[in-house]
Amino acid sequence: MIVVKRRSGRQSGEALPARTELAANNVFTFLTDAPAAVNANGAVWFKDSVLYGSTDKDVAAEFEIQLPGVTTLSAEDIVL
């Protein structure tokens, strides 16, 4: 599960496995920039007020969480 710990309380997303090929719920890795490699499996990154996440073996995001008004986000701001 990803929980954003910023501003007006907590916003939580549904339980999302970081890596879909694993059976159990597992942890995401926070990247400081969008992935440039061919595999962003289990990674999340923040850009332009949107938290992106990839759960498979490409660099395209499988989900996006819009965070209006948030201009910076770090790994300490979310529970991965």
Protein backbone atom coordinates (compact mmCIF):
# COMPACT_ATOMS: atom_id res chain seq x y z
CA MET A 1 0.00 0.00 0.00
CA ILE A 2 1.16 3.52 -0.70
CA VAL A 3 0.19 6.19 1.83
CA VAL A 4 0.99 9.86 1.22
CA LYS A 5 1.83 11.62 4.51
CA ARG A 6 1.65 15.21 3.33
CA ARG A 7 -0.33 18.34 3.98
CA SER A 8 -3.94 17.87 5.11
CA GLY A 9 -3.82 14.46 6.73
CA ARG A 10 -3.20 11.15 5.02
CA GLN A 11 -4.34 9.98 1.62
CA SER A 12 -4.09 6.27 1.02
CA GLY A 13 -4.18 4.20 -2.11
CA GLU A 14 -5.36 0.66 -2.45
CA ALA A 15 -2.92 -2.11 -1.69
CA LEU A 16 -0.72 -2.29 -4.79
CA PRO A 17 2.00 -4.88 -5.17
CA ALA A 18 5.28 -3.34 -6.30
CA ARG A 19 6.13 -6.31 -8.49
CA THR A 20 3.27 -8.20 -10.10
CA GLU A 21 5.28 -11.38 -10.66
CA LEU A 22 5.58 -11.92 -6.90
CA ALA A 23 2.63 -13.44 -5.05
CA ALA A 24 2.77 -11.36 -1.86
CA ASN A 25 2.42 -7.61 -1.39
CA ASN A 26 5.92 -6.12 -1.66
CA VAL A 27 7.73 -2.80 -1.32
CA PHE A 28 8.20 -0.08 -3.94
CA THR A 29 11.51 1.70 -4.50
CA PHE A 30 11.41 5.52 -4.66
CA LEU A 31 13.37 7.00 -7.58
CA THR A 32 14.46 10.63 -7.56
CA ASP A 33 13.89 10.89 -11.34
CA ALA A 34 11.75 9.14 -13.92
CA PRO A 35 13.28 5.79 -14.88
CA ALA A 36 15.63 5.82 -17.85
CA ALA A 37 16.42 2.12 -17.89
CA VAL A 38 14.36 -0.56 -19.58
CA ASN A 39 13.03 -1.94 -16.28
CA ALA A 40 11.30 0.15 -13.60
CA ASN A 41 9.70 -2.87 -11.95
CA GLY A 42 8.55 -1.96 -8.44
CA ALA A 43 9.51 1.72 -8.70
CA VAL A 44 7.66 4.97 -7.95
CA TRP A 45 8.73 8.49 -8.94
CA PHE A 46 7.32 12.02 -8.63
CA LYS A 47 7.06 14.61 -11.38
CA ASP A 48 4.81 17.65 -11.91
CA SER A 49 2.53 16.94 -8.91
CA VAL A 50 1.98 13.30 -9.93
CA LEU A 51 3.29 10.16 -8.21
CA TYR A 52 3.88 7.48 -10.86
CA GLY A 53 4.40 3.77 -10.27
CA SER A 54 5.49 0.80 -12.32
CA THR A 55 4.64 -2.78 -11.42
CA ASP A 56 6.06 -4.60 -14.42
CA LYS A 57 9.26 -4.86 -16.43
CA ASP A 58 9.06 -1.69 -18.53
CA VAL A 59 9.44 2.03 -17.75
CA ALA A 60 5.80 2.98 -18.36
CA ALA A 61 3.73 3.82 -15.29
CA GLU A 62 0.88 1.45 -14.50
CA PHE A 63 -0.66 3.97 -12.10
CA GLU A 64 -0.62 7.70 -11.39
CA ILE A 65 -1.71 9.53 -8.23
CA GLN A 66 -2.33 13.23 -8.73
CA LEU A 67 -1.26 15.41 -5.79
CA PRO A 68 -2.47 18.93 -6.66
CA GLY A 69 -0.37 21.67 -5.09
CA VAL A 70 2.47 19.32 -4.10
CA THR A 71 5.70 20.48 -5.72
CA THR A 72 8.20 18.20 -3.99
CA LEU A 73 7.99 14.67 -2.66
CA SER A 74 10.63 12.38 -1.19
CA ALA A 75 10.74 8.82 0.06
CA GLU A 76 10.26 10.14 3.62
CA ASP A 77 6.88 11.61 2.61
CA ILE A 78 5.30 8.31 1.64
CA VAL A 79 5.01 4.84 3.09
CA LEU A 80 6.19 2.38 0.49
